[in-house]
Amino acid sequence: MNEPRPIPDSPARTQSLRRLRGIGRLAGLVVFLLAVFLSGRIGVEMARNRLPDKEQAHSTLENTSPLTVGRSGDPVYLAQSPDSLRAFFARHPTPEDRASADLSGLGIRRLQDSVEMSTLRAEADAVEVKVSSGAIAGAIYWIHYTQLPDASAFDPIITPLPSDAPQ
């Protein structure tokens, strides 16, 4: 019965509380947008840090030990792209088929002699090499991993290139 009646807020106090509530909402929105922007920037920087540097790839070119390919007397097939090499090896699965295949228009070169090469990188079953002997020295081609000197020790999925393997 003798409960105190609540004192009604004055219009000035109500207006200042509304203004304060509006400023709080605006500040919350700005903080939220800033957090989204900064997390995006951090994500982009983290992704950039995970990409390999081009300089590292080029610096390892000279450090690879040369391999001699074609010592067994089998021809060496050099391709301009890994896709054309894969297509050629898929159409001609046996060495006899490849030896009698017509290479015109395929972007494939057939060499009948042994050639020294250094490996640059691998892409699944294709290995990018730089030729270091013969008339085409300095040229960069793709060869199939089965043409490597010790192809049985190379698994194209999990094995490093022969020049990268610990010795």
C-alpha atoms as a PDB file:
ATOM      1  CA  MET A   1       0.000   0.000   0.000  1.00  0.00           C
ATOM      2  CA  ASN A   2       2.658   2.436   0.770  1.00  0.00           C
ATOM      3  CA  GLU A   3       4.685   1.628  -2.297  1.00  0.00           C
ATOM      4  CA  PRO A   4       6.545   4.517  -3.814  1.00  0.00           C
ATOM      5  CA  ARG A   5       5.378   5.581  -7.200  1.00  0.00           C
ATOM      6  CA  PRO A   6       7.997   5.481  -9.940  1.00  0.00           C
ATOM      7  CA  ILE A   7       9.194   8.880 -10.905  1.00  0.00           C
ATOM      8  CA  PRO A   8       8.566   9.468 -14.589  1.00  0.00           C
ATOM      9  CA  ASP A   9      11.660  10.327 -16.632  1.00  0.00           C
ATOM     10  CA  SER A  10      11.941  13.857 -17.778  1.00  0.00           C
ATOM     11  CA  PRO A  11      11.777  14.504 -21.549  1.00  0.00           C
ATOM     12  CA  ALA A  12      15.409  15.671 -21.559  1.00  0.00           C
ATOM     13  CA  ARG A  13      16.561  12.427 -19.919  1.00  0.00           C
ATOM     14  CA  THR A  14      14.527  10.294 -22.365  1.00  0.00           C
ATOM     15  CA  GLN A  15      15.979  12.187 -25.325  1.00  0.00           C
ATOM     16  CA  SER A  16      19.574  11.765 -24.078  1.00  0.00           C
ATOM     17  CA  LEU A  17      19.020   8.013 -23.510  1.00  0.00           C
ATOM     18  CA  ARG A  18      17.681   7.652 -27.077  1.00  0.00           C
ATOM     19  CA  ARG A  19      20.654   9.562 -28.425  1.00  0.00           C
ATOM     20  CA  LEU A  20      23.063   7.399 -26.385  1.00  0.00           C
ATOM     21  CA  ARG A  21      21.343   4.205 -27.580  1.00  0.00           C
ATOM     22  CA  GLY A  22      21.618   5.376 -31.230  1.00  0.00           C
ATOM     23  CA  ILE A  23      25.314   6.208 -30.818  1.00  0.00           C
ATOM     24  CA  GLY A  24      25.893   2.758 -29.265  1.00  0.00           C
ATOM     25  CA  ARG A  25      24.177   1.009 -32.170  1.00  0.00           C
ATOM     26  CA  LEU A  26      26.158   3.037 -34.700  1.00  0.00           C
ATOM     27  CA  ALA A  27      29.430   2.307 -32.871  1.00  0.00           C
ATOM     28  CA  GLY A  28      28.539  -1.415 -32.754  1.00  0.00           C
ATOM     29  CA  LEU A  29      27.874  -1.445 -36.491  1.00  0.00           C
ATOM     30  CA  VAL A  30      31.184   0.320 -37.212  1.00  0.00           C
ATOM     31  CA  VAL A  31      33.097  -2.128 -34.971  1.00  0.00           C
ATOM     32  CA  PHE A  32      31.389  -5.092 -36.682  1.00  0.00           C
ATOM     33  CA  LEU A  33      32.228  -3.837 -40.183  1.00  0.00           C
ATOM     34  CA  LEU A  34      35.803  -3.074 -39.133  1.00  0.00           C
ATOM     35  CA  ALA A  35      36.168  -6.592 -37.699  1.00  0.00           C
ATOM     36  CA  VAL A  36      34.896  -8.141 -40.952  1.00  0.00           C
ATOM     37  CA  PHE A  37      37.287  -5.996 -42.995  1.00  0.00           C
ATOM     38  CA  LEU A  38      40.311  -6.784 -40.816  1.00  0.00           C
ATOM     39  CA  SER A  39      39.597 -10.520 -40.739  1.00  0.00           C
ATOM     40  CA  GLY A  40      39.412 -10.465 -44.532  1.00  0.00           C
ATOM     41  CA  ARG A  41      42.752  -8.663 -44.748  1.00  0.00           C
ATOM     42  CA  ILE A  42      44.346 -11.144 -42.359  1.00  0.00           C
ATOM     43  CA  GLY A  43      42.962 -14.031 -44.429  1.00  0.00           C
ATOM     44  CA  VAL A  44      44.373 -12.574 -47.633  1.00  0.00           C
ATOM     45  CA  GLU A  45      47.799 -12.067 -46.052  1.00  0.00           C
ATOM     46  CA  MET A  46      47.802 -15.615 -44.701  1.00  0.00           C
ATOM     47  CA  ALA A  47      46.917 -16.945 -48.157  1.00  0.00           C
ATOM     48  CA  ARG A  48      49.720 -14.899 -49.736  1.00  0.00           C
ATOM     49  CA  ASN A  49      52.209 -16.260 -47.231  1.00  0.00           C
ATOM     50  CA  ARG A  50      51.283 -19.829 -48.183  1.00  0.00           C
ATOM     51  CA  LEU A  51      51.880 -19.288 -51.909  1.00  0.00           C
ATOM     52  CA  PRO A  52      55.314 -20.342 -53.160  1.00  0.00           C
ATOM     53  CA  ASP A  53      57.600 -17.525 -54.186  1.00  0.00           C
ATOM     54  CA  LYS A  54      58.683 -17.421 -57.817  1.00  0.00           C
ATOM     55  CA  GLU A  55      62.217 -16.565 -56.702  1.00  0.00           C
ATOM     56  CA  GLN A  56      62.527 -19.799 -54.754  1.00  0.00           C
ATOM     57  CA  ALA A  57      61.497 -21.867 -57.771  1.00  0.00           C
ATOM     58  CA  HIS A  58      64.055 -20.178 -60.017  1.00  0.00           C
ATOM     59  CA  SER A  59      66.838 -20.401 -57.449  1.00  0.00           C
ATOM     60  CA  THR A  60      66.569 -24.206 -57.349  1.00  0.00           C
ATOM     61  CA  LEU A  61      67.000 -24.567 -61.112  1.00  0.00           C
ATOM     62  CA  GLU A  62      70.764 -24.528 -60.991  1.00  0.00           C
ATOM     63  CA  ASN A  63      70.989 -26.767 -57.920  1.00  0.00           C
ATOM     64  CA  THR A  64      69.467 -29.885 -59.480  1.00  0.00           C
ATOM     65  CA  SER A  65      71.853 -32.667 -60.340  1.00  0.00           C
ATOM     66  CA  PRO A  66      71.806 -33.605 -64.037  1.00  0.00           C
ATOM     67  CA  LEU A  67      70.067 -36.811 -65.061  1.00  0.00           C
ATOM     68  CA  THR A  68      70.868 -38.782 -68.188  1.00  0.00           C
ATOM     69  CA  VAL A  69      67.656 -39.843 -69.892  1.00  0.00           C
ATOM     70  CA  GLY A  70      67.500 -42.342 -72.766  1.00  0.00           C
ATOM     71  CA  ARG A  71      70.506 -44.481 -71.832  1.00  0.00           C
ATOM     72  CA  SER A  72      68.591 -47.736 -72.384  1.00  0.00           C
ATOM     73  CA  GLY A  73      68.165 -47.015 -76.089  1.00  0.00           C
ATOM     74  CA  ASP A  74      64.488 -46.109 -75.812  1.00  0.00           C
ATOM     75  CA  PRO A  75      63.500 -42.824 -77.438  1.00  0.00           C
ATOM     76  CA  VAL A  76      62.949 -39.786 -75.238  1.00  0.00           C
ATOM     77  CA  TYR A  77      59.653 -37.944 -75.728  1.00  0.00           C
ATOM     78  CA  LEU A  78      59.672 -34.210 -75.001  1.00  0.00           C
ATOM     79  CA  ALA A  79      56.449 -32.198 -74.889  1.00  0.00           C
ATOM     80  CA  GLN A  80      55.661 -28.490 -74.766  1.00  0.00           C
ATOM     81  CA  SER A  81      52.916 -28.992 -72.166  1.00  0.00           C
ATOM     82  CA  PRO A  82      52.074 -31.664 -69.598  1.00  0.00           C
ATOM     83  CA  ASP A  83      48.591 -32.078 -71.104  1.00  0.00           C
ATOM     84  CA  SER A  84      49.898 -32.970 -74.562  1.00  0.00           C
ATOM     85  CA  LEU A  85      52.366 -35.386 -72.955  1.00  0.00           C
ATOM     86  CA  ARG A  86      49.607 -37.101 -70.951  1.00  0.00           C
ATOM     87  CA  ALA A  87      47.379 -37.342 -74.022  1.00  0.00           C
ATOM     88  CA  PHE A  88      50.207 -38.880 -76.048  1.00  0.00           C
ATOM     89  CA  PHE A  89      51.057 -41.456 -73.363  1.00  0.00           C
ATOM     90  CA  ALA A  90      47.349 -42.291 -72.936  1.00  0.00           C
ATOM     91  CA  ARG A  91      46.863 -42.852 -76.702  1.00  0.00           C
ATOM     92  CA  HIS A  92      50.087 -44.862 -76.974  1.00  0.00           C
ATOM     93  CA  PRO A  93      50.496 -46.857 -73.745  1.00  0.00           C
ATOM     94  CA  THR A  94      53.277 -49.224 -74.857  1.00  0.00           C
ATOM     95  CA  PRO A  95      56.805 -48.306 -75.969  1.00  0.00           C
ATOM     96  CA  GLU A  96      56.161 -50.008 -79.333  1.00  0.00           C
ATOM     97  CA  ASP A  97      53.058 -47.875 -79.941  1.00  0.00           C
ATOM     98  CA  ARG A  98      54.956 -44.709 -79.042  1.00  0.00           C
ATOM     99  CA  ALA A  99      57.898 -45.639 -81.298  1.00  0.00           C
ATOM    100  CA  SER A 100      55.618 -46.009 -84.334  1.00  0.00           C
ATOM    101  CA  ALA A 101      53.329 -43.058 -83.528  1.00  0.00           C
ATOM    102  CA  ASP A 102      52.970 -40.104 -85.880  1.00  0.00           C
ATOM    103  CA  LEU A 103      54.067 -37.046 -83.874  1.00  0.00           C
ATOM    104  CA  SER A 104      53.137 -34.362 -86.398  1.00  0.00           C
ATOM    105  CA  GLY A 105      50.887 -31.721 -84.896  1.00  0.00           C
ATOM    106  CA  LEU A 106      51.068 -33.129 -81.364  1.00  0.00           C
ATOM    107  CA  GLY A 107      53.762 -30.838 -79.970  1.00  0.00           C
ATOM    108  CA  ILE A 108      55.907 -33.867 -79.062  1.00  0.00           C
ATOM    109  CA  ARG A 109      59.589 -34.336 -79.969  1.00  0.00           C
ATOM    110  CA  ARG A 110      61.206 -37.761 -80.143  1.00  0.00           C
ATOM    111  CA  LEU A 111      64.949 -38.030 -79.478  1.00  0.00           C
ATOM    112  CA  GLN A 112      66.760 -41.290 -80.217  1.00  0.00           C
ATOM    113  CA  ASP A 113      69.860 -40.486 -78.162  1.00  0.00           C
ATOM    114  CA  SER A 114      70.587 -40.029 -74.475  1.00  0.00           C
ATOM    115  CA  VAL A 115      70.240 -36.487 -73.179  1.00  0.00           C
ATOM    116  CA  GLU A 116      71.349 -34.799 -69.965  1.00  0.00           C
ATOM    117  CA  MET A 117      68.603 -32.891 -68.173  1.00  0.00           C
ATOM    118  CA  SER A 118      67.963 -31.236 -64.851  1.00  0.00           C
ATOM    119  CA  THR A 119      64.546 -31.452 -63.241  1.00  0.00           C
ATOM    120  CA  LEU A 120      62.627 -28.281 -62.475  1.00  0.00           C
ATOM    121  CA  ARG A 121      59.324 -29.476 -61.023  1.00  0.00           C
ATOM    122  CA  ALA A 122      56.774 -32.266 -61.193  1.00  0.00           C
ATOM    123  CA  GLU A 123      53.077 -32.076 -61.991  1.00  0.00           C
ATOM    124  CA  ALA A 124      51.464 -35.464 -61.276  1.00  0.00           C
ATOM    125  CA  ASP A 125      53.026 -37.866 -63.813  1.00  0.00           C
ATOM    126  CA  ALA A 126      54.798 -35.170 -65.876  1.00  0.00           C
ATOM    127  CA  VAL A 127      58.208 -33.767 -64.961  1.00  0.00           C
ATOM    128  CA  GLU A 128      59.423 -30.404 -66.234  1.00  0.00           C
ATOM    129  CA  VAL A 129      63.071 -30.563 -67.274  1.00  0.00           C
ATOM    130  CA  LYS A 130      65.723 -28.271 -68.671  1.00  0.00           C
ATOM    131  CA  VAL A 131      67.880 -29.893 -71.336  1.00  0.00           C
ATOM    132  CA  SER A 132      71.571 -29.372 -70.620  1.00  0.00           C
ATOM    133  CA  SER A 133      73.231 -31.236 -73.517  1.00  0.00           C
ATOM    134  CA  GLY A 134      72.863 -31.584 -77.255  1.00  0.00           C
ATOM    135  CA  ALA A 135      71.490 -29.287 -79.915  1.00  0.00           C
ATOM    136  CA  ILE A 136      68.520 -28.218 -77.796  1.00  0.00           C
ATOM    137  CA  ALA A 137      70.503 -27.358 -74.660  1.00  0.00           C
ATOM    138  CA  GLY A 138      68.726 -24.767 -72.549  1.00  0.00           C
ATOM    139  CA  ALA A 139      65.245 -25.703 -73.780  1.00  0.00           C
ATOM    140  CA  ILE A 140      62.555 -26.510 -71.235  1.00  0.00           C
ATOM    141  CA  TYR A 141      60.268 -29.477 -71.896  1.00  0.00           C
ATOM    142  CA  TRP A 142      58.032 -31.964 -70.107  1.00  0.00           C
ATOM    143  CA  ILE A 143      58.830 -35.684 -69.922  1.00  0.00           C
ATOM    144  CA  HIS A 144      56.821 -38.574 -68.507  1.00  0.00           C
ATOM    145  CA  TYR A 145      58.057 -39.892 -65.159  1.00  0.00           C
ATOM    146  CA  THR A 146      58.537 -43.366 -66.699  1.00  0.00           C
ATOM    147  CA  GLN A 147      61.385 -41.922 -68.770  1.00  0.00           C
ATOM    148  CA  LEU A 148      63.440 -41.031 -65.693  1.00  0.00           C
ATOM    149  CA  PRO A 149      66.543 -43.192 -65.168  1.00  0.00           C
ATOM    150  CA  ASP A 150      65.060 -44.936 -62.101  1.00  0.00           C
ATOM    151  CA  ALA A 151      61.325 -44.632 -62.759  1.00  0.00           C
ATOM    152  CA  SER A 152      60.467 -47.544 -60.463  1.00  0.00           C
ATOM    153  CA  ALA A 153      61.640 -45.531 -57.438  1.00  0.00           C
ATOM    154  CA  PHE A 154      59.508 -42.519 -58.390  1.00  0.00           C
ATOM    155  CA  ASP A 155      55.844 -42.415 -57.414  1.00  0.00           C
ATOM    156  CA  PRO A 156      54.374 -39.329 -59.128  1.00  0.00           C
ATOM    157  CA  ILE A 157      52.085 -38.576 -56.206  1.00  0.00           C
ATOM    158  CA  ILE A 158      54.282 -38.842 -53.108  1.00  0.00           C
ATOM    159  CA  THR A 159      57.918 -39.046 -54.176  1.00  0.00           C
ATOM    160  CA  PRO A 160      60.047 -35.900 -54.542  1.00  0.00           C
ATOM    161  CA  LEU A 161      61.951 -35.329 -57.740  1.00  0.00           C
ATOM    162  CA  PRO A 162      65.162 -37.353 -58.020  1.00  0.00           C
ATOM    163  CA  SER A 163      67.262 -34.217 -57.564  1.00  0.00           C
ATOM    164  CA  ASP A 164      65.341 -33.286 -54.389  1.00  0.00           C
ATOM    165  CA  ALA A 165      65.654 -36.707 -52.780  1.00  0.00           C
ATOM    166  CA  PRO A 166      68.091 -37.027 -49.867  1.00  0.00           C
ATOM    167  CA  GLN A 167      71.333 -38.732 -50.813  1.00  0.00           C
END
